[in-house]
Every structure is written in structure tokens, then in C-alpha cells.
Protein backbone atom coordinates (compact mmCIF):
# COMPACT_ATOMS: atom_id res chain seq x y z
CA UNK A 1 -23.49 2.29 -23.12
CA UNK A 2 -20.99 0.45 -24.58
CA UNK A 3 -22.15 -1.94 -27.35
CA UNK A 4 -19.01 -4.91 -26.06
CA UNK A 5 -21.15 -7.01 -24.21
CA UNK A 6 -19.89 -6.63 -20.33
CA UNK A 7 -18.94 -10.23 -20.17
CA UNK A 8 -15.88 -9.54 -22.87
CA UNK A 9 -15.40 -5.97 -21.33
CA UNK A 10 -14.61 -8.00 -17.74
CA UNK A 11 -11.97 -10.46 -19.10
CA UNK A 12 -10.70 -7.94 -20.65
CA UNK A 13 -10.33 -5.91 -17.72
CA UNK A 14 -8.49 -8.90 -15.82
CA UNK A 15 -5.80 -9.18 -17.97
CA UNK A 16 -5.38 -5.42 -17.68
CA UNK A 17 -5.33 -5.97 -14.17
CA UNK A 18 -3.39 -9.16 -14.60
CA UNK A 19 -0.80 -7.35 -16.27
CA UNK A 20 -0.03 -5.10 -14.03
CA UNK A 21 0.01 -7.73 -11.27
CA UNK A 22 2.55 -9.41 -12.73
CA UNK A 23 5.04 -6.72 -11.63
CA UNK A 24 4.67 -8.41 -8.22
CA UNK A 25 6.86 -11.75 -7.27
CA UNK A 26 5.18 -13.57 -5.00
CA UNK A 27 5.72 -17.27 -3.77
CA UNK A 28 3.15 -18.70 -1.76
CA UNK A 29 0.00 -18.29 0.14
CA UNK A 30 1.36 -17.23 3.19
CA UNK A 31 2.47 -13.81 1.51
CA UNK A 32 -0.61 -13.09 1.42
CA UNK A 33 -0.11 -10.20 3.68
CA UNK A 34 0.74 -7.58 0.75
CA UNK A 35 -1.30 -8.84 -2.31
CA UNK A 36 -4.47 -7.87 0.68
CA UNK A 37 -3.18 -4.04 0.31
CA UNK A 38 -1.61 -3.97 -3.51
CA UNK A 39 -4.50 -5.08 -5.46
CA UNK A 40 -6.98 -2.85 -4.31
CA UNK A 41 -4.25 0.25 -4.87
CA UNK A 42 -3.42 -1.10 -8.23
CA UNK A 43 -7.09 -1.38 -9.42
CA UNK A 44 -7.97 2.45 -7.50
CA UNK A 45 -4.80 3.54 -9.46
CA UNK A 46 -5.57 2.21 -12.83
CA UNK A 47 -9.52 3.46 -12.18
CA UNK A 48 -7.48 6.99 -11.09
CA UNK A 49 -4.86 7.69 -14.83
CA UNK A 50 -7.55 5.60 -17.17
CA UNK A 51 -10.45 7.87 -16.15
CA UNK A 52 -7.92 11.14 -16.07
CA UNK A 53 -9.01 12.28 -12.29
CA UNK A 54 -5.93 15.05 -11.71
CA UNK A 55 -7.34 16.74 -14.17
CA UNK A 56 -10.79 16.73 -13.31
CA UNK A 57 -11.73 20.68 -12.35
CA UNK A 58 -13.58 20.92 -8.67
CA UNK A 59 -16.73 21.68 -8.94
CA UNK A 60 -17.39 25.51 -7.38
CA UNK A 61 -20.45 26.52 -5.58
CA UNK A 62 -22.85 28.57 -7.00
CA UNK A 63 -25.77 30.61 -5.71
CA UNK A 64 -29.16 28.66 -7.44
CA UNK A 65 -26.87 25.13 -6.65
CA UNK A 66 -30.00 23.07 -5.31
CA UNK A 67 -27.59 20.56 -3.22
CA UNK A 68 -24.65 22.53 -2.09
CA UNK A 69 -23.45 19.65 0.06
CA UNK A 70 -23.29 17.62 -2.81
CA UNK A 71 -20.68 19.95 -4.42
CA UNK A 72 -18.84 20.08 -1.35
CA UNK A 73 -18.80 15.94 -0.77
CA UNK A 74 -17.61 15.57 -4.64
CA UNK A 75 -14.96 17.74 -4.09
CA UNK A 76 -14.23 16.46 -0.93
CA UNK A 77 -13.89 12.90 -3.14
CA UNK A 78 -11.66 13.73 -5.80
CA UNK A 79 -9.12 15.34 -3.07
CA UNK A 80 -9.22 12.37 -1.38
CA UNK A 81 -8.14 10.84 -4.60
CA UNK A 82 -5.66 13.04 -5.02
CA UNK A 83 -4.45 11.60 -1.72
CA UNK A 84 -4.98 8.31 -1.42
CA UNK A 85 -3.14 8.02 -5.55
CA UNK A 86 0.05 10.46 -4.21
CA UNK A 87 0.67 8.41 -0.56
CA UNK A 88 0.47 5.07 -3.06
CA UNK A 89 2.74 6.04 -6.12
CA UNK A 90 4.99 7.92 -4.17
CA UNK A 91 5.49 8.36 -0.42
CA UNK A 92 4.21 3.97 -0.12
CA UNK A 93 7.45 3.79 -1.99
CA UNK A 94 9.39 6.47 -0.61
CA UNK A 95 8.86 4.80 2.67
CA UNK A 96 9.39 1.12 1.86
CA UNK A 97 12.62 2.39 1.02
CA UNK A 98 13.56 4.28 4.32
CA UNK A 99 13.01 0.85 6.28
CA UNK A 100 14.65 -0.83 3.81
CA UNK A 101 17.95 0.59 4.32
CA UNK A 102 16.99 1.03 7.90
CA UNK A 103 16.82 -3.07 8.25
CA UNK A 104 19.88 -3.39 6.13
CA UNK A 105 21.47 -0.99 8.69
CA UNK A 106 20.03 -2.87 11.64
CA UNK A 107 21.46 -6.00 10.44
CA UNK A 108 25.50 -4.88 9.96
CA UNK A 109 25.09 -4.65 13.34
CA UNK A 110 23.53 -7.67 14.43
CA UNK A 111 24.65 -11.06 14.35
CA UNK A 112 22.71 -14.22 15.46
CA UNK A 113 24.25 -17.68 14.67
CA UNK A 114 23.15 -21.51 15.60
CA UNK A 115 25.56 -23.82 18.12
CA UNK A 116 25.37 -26.86 19.29
CA UNK A 117 24.64 -27.19 22.70
CA UNK A 118 26.84 -27.80 25.50
CA UNK A 119 26.22 -31.59 25.41
CA UNK A 120 26.34 -32.14 21.76
CA UNK A 121 23.00 -33.18 21.31
CA UNK A 122 21.00 -32.25 17.44
CA UNK A 123 19.18 -29.86 19.05
CA UNK A 124 20.68 -26.23 18.68
CA UNK A 125 20.56 -22.43 20.50
CA UNK A 126 20.42 -19.90 18.08
CA UNK A 127 22.76 -17.19 19.85
CA UNK A 128 22.61 -13.12 18.54
CA UNK A 129 25.35 -10.61 19.52
CA UNK A 130 23.99 -6.78 19.39
CA UNK A 131 25.98 -3.59 19.75
CA UNK A 132 24.15 -0.54 21.79
CA UNK A 133 23.50 1.02 18.68
CA UNK A 134 22.53 -2.64 17.70
CA UNK A 135 19.32 -1.83 19.78
CA UNK A 136 19.00 1.36 19.13
CA UNK A 137 18.30 0.45 15.64
CA UNK A 138 15.89 -2.38 16.22
CA UNK A 139 13.43 0.09 17.92
CA UNK A 140 13.54 3.15 15.72
CA UNK A 141 13.35 0.02 13.12
CA UNK A 142 9.88 -0.89 15.11
CA UNK A 143 8.47 2.46 15.35
CA UNK A 144 9.13 3.72 11.89
CA UNK A 145 7.35 -0.42 10.70
CA UNK A 146 4.39 0.08 13.32
CA UNK A 147 4.08 3.65 12.24
CA UNK A 148 4.32 2.41 8.66
CA UNK A 149 1.58 -0.10 8.88
CA UNK A 150 -0.86 2.36 10.68
CA UNK A 151 -0.74 4.96 6.89
CA UNK A 152 -1.25 1.16 5.70
CA UNK A 153 -4.60 1.01 7.30
CA UNK A 154 -5.72 3.92 7.72
CA UNK A 155 -4.85 4.68 3.39
CA UNK A 156 -6.55 1.02 2.77
CA UNK A 157 -9.77 2.49 5.01
CA UNK A 158 -10.03 5.85 3.15
CA UNK A 159 -10.38 3.78 0.22
CA UNK A 160 -13.28 2.14 1.58
CA UNK A 161 -14.66 4.71 2.64
CA UNK A 162 -14.77 6.22 -1.37
CA UNK A 163 -15.47 2.88 -3.32
CA UNK A 164 -18.96 4.09 -3.88
CA UNK A 165 -18.10 7.24 -5.78
CA UNK A 166 -15.67 5.36 -8.10
CA UNK A 167 -18.18 5.52 -10.74
CA UNK A 168 -18.28 8.95 -10.91
């Protein structure tokens, strides 16, 4: 049991998390899409690194174990924690970079501009031009973004499922 009261530790934890969140630039509340994913994973990574979860040995089942299913469950949660940490620190940035490159490549083959209507009113008409390759890249980009969104959703669900095991 810690001798530092919880209300002081709570402020310290908030300060530590604030330092981690400072690396993400957000301009307004309309950008809440990304923090809804990033904040839980940053908290999880803080826990994972501070508790040194990667170096915790797996529990070995023994014959006189009163609850072998508990041992198996604990080992599965360690595996899930390892997988989620690896996904967030390695796979997520790599996938994000791949999508950014694909979007940049699509942007080279797609142009749009605004032009006035024929009667020269203040309303403007948005025109676009895309090649067949640009249309292919757009379809590929949409498909990959959909897959990535499913990955993000599944990872967040997995994190929510193990939240009650994070005290161990």
C-alpha cells in the first residue's frame, strides 16, 4: 500500500498522461475521432511499460493447481496485452503511413477545381478529373481504409475486454 494519498497520486498520473498526449496535435472538438482511440491506447501503453508486462513470465500449469483454467486465462490475457501493445506501437503507425502514401499517390492522379456556372452567378461548380489509374487508387484507398477501421475497432474492443485484468 502506498503512503502517498490517492488524491496526490491521481494528479501525478494525470500529469504523466498529459505529457504523453502533448505529442498529438488537435485543433478542435471536431477532431475527437482520433483521441477516442489514441487516449485509451496511450493509457494502456503507460501501464504496459511501467508494469513491464513484456518481461512477466507466463504461468506454468502444475498438477496440484487448484484452478488450471485461471492459469490459462491469465496467460491468454498476457498474450492479448502483448499483441495490443505491438499493434499500437508497431503495426498502427506502419498502417497509417501506408495509407498516407496511398492517399498521396491518389492525389497525384486526381484533380478538382471550382468554376463559375455558365450564367456567371456567385455559385460555383466543383469539377474533377481522374484517370482510370486514379479511380483504381481511390477504390484501393477506400478498401484499405475500411480494413484499417475494422482493425482499430477490433483492437479497441479487445482492450475493453481485458480492462478488468489490468490490475495484475
